[in-house]
Protein backbone atom coordinates (compact mmCIF):
# COMPACT_ATOMS: atom_id res chain seq x y z
CA MET A 1 -0.23 0.21 0.11
CA THR A 2 1.43 3.65 -0.78
CA ALA A 3 1.01 6.54 0.68
CA ARG A 4 -1.09 7.64 -0.95
CA ASP A 5 -3.36 4.18 -0.56
CA ASP A 6 -2.84 5.01 2.90
CA VAL A 7 -4.28 8.56 2.50
CA THR A 8 -7.22 7.32 0.84
CA ALA A 9 -8.02 4.43 2.99
CA ARG A 10 -7.99 6.76 5.64
CA ASP A 11 -10.31 9.61 4.09
CA ASP A 12 -12.65 6.77 3.39
CA VAL A 13 -12.82 5.39 7.12
CA THR A 14 -13.31 9.25 7.93
CA ALA A 15 -15.87 10.11 5.55
CA ARG A 16 -18.13 6.55 6.65
CA ASP A 17 -17.59 7.81 10.24
CA ASP A 18 -18.73 11.54 9.16
CA VAL A 19 -22.12 10.29 7.69
CA THR A 20 -22.53 7.64 11.12
CA ALA A 21 -22.54 10.48 13.03
CA ARG A 22 -25.11 12.62 10.83
CA ASP A 23 -27.11 9.86 10.84
CA ASP A 24 -26.82 9.33 14.62
CA VAL A 25 -27.56 13.02 15.15
CA THR A 26 -31.04 12.65 12.39
CA ALA A 27 -32.36 9.80 14.32
CA ARG A 28 -31.71 11.56 17.32
CA ASP A 29 -33.14 14.71 16.61
CA ASP A 30 -36.41 13.50 14.67
CA ASP A 31 -36.83 11.05 17.77
CA ALA A 32 -37.35 14.72 19.77
CA LEU A 33 -39.46 15.84 17.30
CA ARG A 34 -41.79 13.13 17.04
CA GLY A 35 -42.28 13.39 21.15
CA GLY A 36 -42.44 17.25 20.71
CA ALA A 37 -45.47 18.96 21.78
CA LEU A 38 -45.76 20.36 17.92
CA PHE A 39 -46.68 17.31 16.97
CA ALA A 40 -48.16 15.73 19.14
CA ALA A 41 -51.62 13.41 18.52
CA LEU A 42 -50.79 13.33 14.55
CA GLU A 43 -50.82 10.04 13.39
CA PRO A 44 -47.19 8.86 13.18
CA GLU A 45 -46.64 8.55 9.78
CA VAL A 46 -48.07 11.87 9.28
CA ALA A 47 -45.70 13.41 12.05
CA GLU A 48 -42.49 10.83 10.11
CA ALA A 49 -43.65 12.33 6.72
CA LEU A 50 -43.74 16.02 8.12
CA ILE A 51 -40.20 15.96 10.11
CA ALA A 52 -38.82 14.40 6.74
CA ARG A 53 -39.59 17.45 4.66
CA LEU A 54 -37.83 19.93 7.47
CA THR A 55 -35.08 21.59 6.68
CA ARG A 56 -32.26 21.11 8.90
CA ARG A 57 -30.01 24.03 9.62
CA SER A 58 -26.71 24.86 12.36
CA PHE A 59 -26.16 28.51 13.57
CA THR A 60 -22.77 29.39 15.29
CA ALA A 61 -23.35 31.17 18.77
CA GLY A 62 -24.20 35.14 18.13
CA GLU A 63 -25.46 33.92 14.23
CA THR A 64 -28.83 35.48 13.32
CA VAL A 65 -31.43 33.16 12.58
CA PHE A 66 -33.31 36.54 11.14
CA ARG A 67 -34.48 40.06 11.51
CA GLU A 68 -36.92 42.51 12.27
CA GLY A 69 -38.17 43.23 9.76
CA ASP A 70 -37.65 39.71 7.50
CA SER A 71 -40.13 38.10 5.74
CA GLY A 72 -41.81 35.42 7.76
CA HIS A 73 -42.53 32.00 5.96
CA SER A 74 -41.16 29.02 8.53
CA LEU A 75 -41.08 28.69 11.95
CA PHE A 76 -38.18 26.98 14.09
CA ILE A 77 -37.61 24.47 16.10
CA VAL A 78 -34.66 23.97 18.77
CA LEU A 79 -32.89 21.01 18.38
CA GLU A 80 -29.98 21.71 20.23
CA GLY A 81 -28.46 25.13 21.80
CA GLU A 82 -29.84 27.89 22.66
CA ILE A 83 -31.98 30.77 20.38
CA GLU A 84 -32.47 33.94 21.84
CA LEU A 85 -34.91 36.86 21.17
CA VAL A 86 -33.89 40.22 21.38
CA ARG A 87 -35.09 43.70 20.11
CA VAL A 88 -33.43 46.54 19.55
CA ALA A 89 -34.25 49.38 21.39
CA ALA A 90 -34.37 53.01 19.32
CA SER A 91 -30.60 53.60 21.29
CA GLY A 92 -29.27 50.41 19.72
CA GLU A 93 -28.76 48.52 22.40
CA LEU A 94 -29.92 45.00 22.53
CA LEU A 95 -32.80 44.35 24.89
CA HIS A 96 -32.15 40.54 25.81
CA SER A 97 -36.35 39.08 25.38
CA VAL A 98 -36.78 35.23 25.79
CA THR A 99 -34.58 32.10 25.67
CA PHE A 100 -35.35 29.07 23.31
CA ALA A 101 -34.19 25.55 24.20
CA PRO A 102 -33.80 22.39 22.68
CA GLY A 103 -37.95 21.13 21.71
CA THR A 104 -39.39 24.52 21.90
CA TRP A 105 -39.79 26.79 18.68
CA PHE A 106 -40.51 30.18 17.37
CA GLY A 107 -40.49 32.45 14.86
CA GLU A 108 -44.81 31.00 14.48
CA VAL A 109 -45.66 34.39 14.56
CA ALA A 110 -44.85 35.51 11.32
CA LEU A 111 -45.71 32.73 9.97
CA LEU A 112 -49.31 32.47 10.74
CA GLY A 113 -49.83 35.89 10.70
CA VAL A 114 -48.48 36.42 7.28
CA THR A 115 -46.44 39.09 8.34
CA THR A 116 -42.57 40.22 8.53
CA ARG A 117 -40.71 39.15 12.08
CA ALA A 118 -41.16 41.51 14.57
CA ILE A 119 -37.72 40.69 16.50
CA LEU A 120 -33.97 39.88 15.79
CA ALA A 121 -33.42 35.86 16.65
CA ARG A 122 -29.56 34.62 17.39
CA ALA A 123 -28.16 31.48 18.26
CA ARG A 124 -27.29 32.62 21.75
CA THR A 125 -24.87 28.60 21.67
CA ASP A 126 -23.78 26.80 18.57
CA ALA A 127 -27.39 25.84 18.08
CA ARG A 128 -29.36 22.94 14.73
CA LEU A 129 -32.84 24.21 14.39
CA ALA A 130 -35.67 22.56 11.93
CA GLU A 131 -37.31 24.26 9.90
CA LEU A 132 -40.91 24.38 9.03
CA GLY A 133 -42.04 26.48 6.25
CA SER A 134 -45.24 28.17 4.60
CA ARG A 135 -45.03 24.75 1.77
CA GLN A 136 -44.68 22.41 3.85
CA LEU A 137 -47.68 23.44 6.39
CA HIS A 138 -49.43 23.96 2.70
CA GLU A 139 -48.54 20.85 1.73
CA LEU A 140 -50.36 19.06 5.06
CA TYR A 141 -53.52 21.45 4.44
CA ARG A 142 -53.87 19.46 1.29
CA ALA A 143 -53.02 16.06 1.88
CA ASP A 144 -54.35 16.30 5.47
CA PRO A 145 -56.72 18.60 6.77
CA ARG A 146 -57.38 16.84 10.25
CA ALA A 147 -53.92 16.81 10.86
CA TYR A 148 -52.83 20.33 9.70
CA ALA A 149 -55.70 21.14 12.88
CA LEU A 150 -54.07 19.63 15.12
CA LEU A 151 -51.02 21.17 14.12
CA ALA A 152 -52.67 24.46 14.01
CA MET A 153 -53.86 23.43 17.48
CA ASN A 154 -51.00 22.46 19.15
CA LEU A 155 -49.46 25.67 17.46
CA ALA A 156 -51.82 27.60 19.15
CA ARG A 157 -51.64 26.15 22.34
CA GLY A 158 -47.52 27.20 22.51
CA LEU A 159 -48.55 30.90 21.54
CA ALA A 160 -51.47 30.67 24.44
CA ARG A 161 -48.39 29.13 26.82
CA LYS A 162 -45.82 32.01 25.69
CA LEU A 163 -48.97 34.90 25.94
CA GLN A 164 -49.42 33.32 29.39
CA GLN A 165 -45.13 33.03 29.97
CA SER A 166 -45.09 36.90 28.48
CA GLU A 167 -48.09 38.48 31.10
CA GLY A 168 -46.39 36.85 34.16
CA ARG A 169 -43.14 38.50 33.43
CA LEU A 170 -44.97 41.62 32.41
CA ALA A 171 -46.43 41.84 35.78
CA GLY A 172 -43.63 41.15 37.68
CA VAL A 173 -41.85 44.22 35.40
CA LEU A 174 -44.86 46.23 36.01
CA ALA A 175 -45.70 45.62 40.45
CA ALA A 176 -41.55 46.19 40.78
CA THR A 177 -41.40 49.14 38.94
CA GLY A 178 -44.81 50.80 40.86
CA HIS A 179 -47.08 50.82 37.00
CA ARG A 180 -50.17 49.68 36.45
CA ALA A 181 -51.60 48.04 32.77
CA ALA A 182 -53.50 50.29 31.22
CA PRO A 183 -56.94 48.54 30.21
CA LEU A 184 -57.18 46.52 26.55
CA ARG A 185 -59.75 47.82 24.63
CA ALA A 186 -61.65 46.05 21.88
CA GLU A 187 -60.34 46.89 18.05
């Protein structure tokens, strides 16, 4: 065996190891997605088909996932790492809003509201995300309206939880500063 053959053999082993590692990560991600709240109550074969269509993306710490004002045609599910939502104040200061850990999702407001992103999302740590876009949702709606409705309910439940958490944080800030919340008015 020549030195060149030895290097080629090592490269082949490394490539096989990389593929095996990627396959292991994908299988682990798929298991986590199947067991997560977003895909709860979906028939296993429907969840499998939808999970297989998700786009996987990786971000390094500090990298932007999306910016305020970007078009919002997808939501992101955190597979690994942490993502933070940050508001840019008029002064340019970055105000931390919330951090999302594995198993949680974000970006659904722009997706469902067919609007632009209202906040900056960036990787707090190195992170891997699964992206669910409007195209996949539309395909699910056409193929299985019942599954689409279940997924929409799961998104609504997630938004309700986030709203309750936000209300709790806001009440704490208002109490700490001696302010009272303004009454809500019908539009």
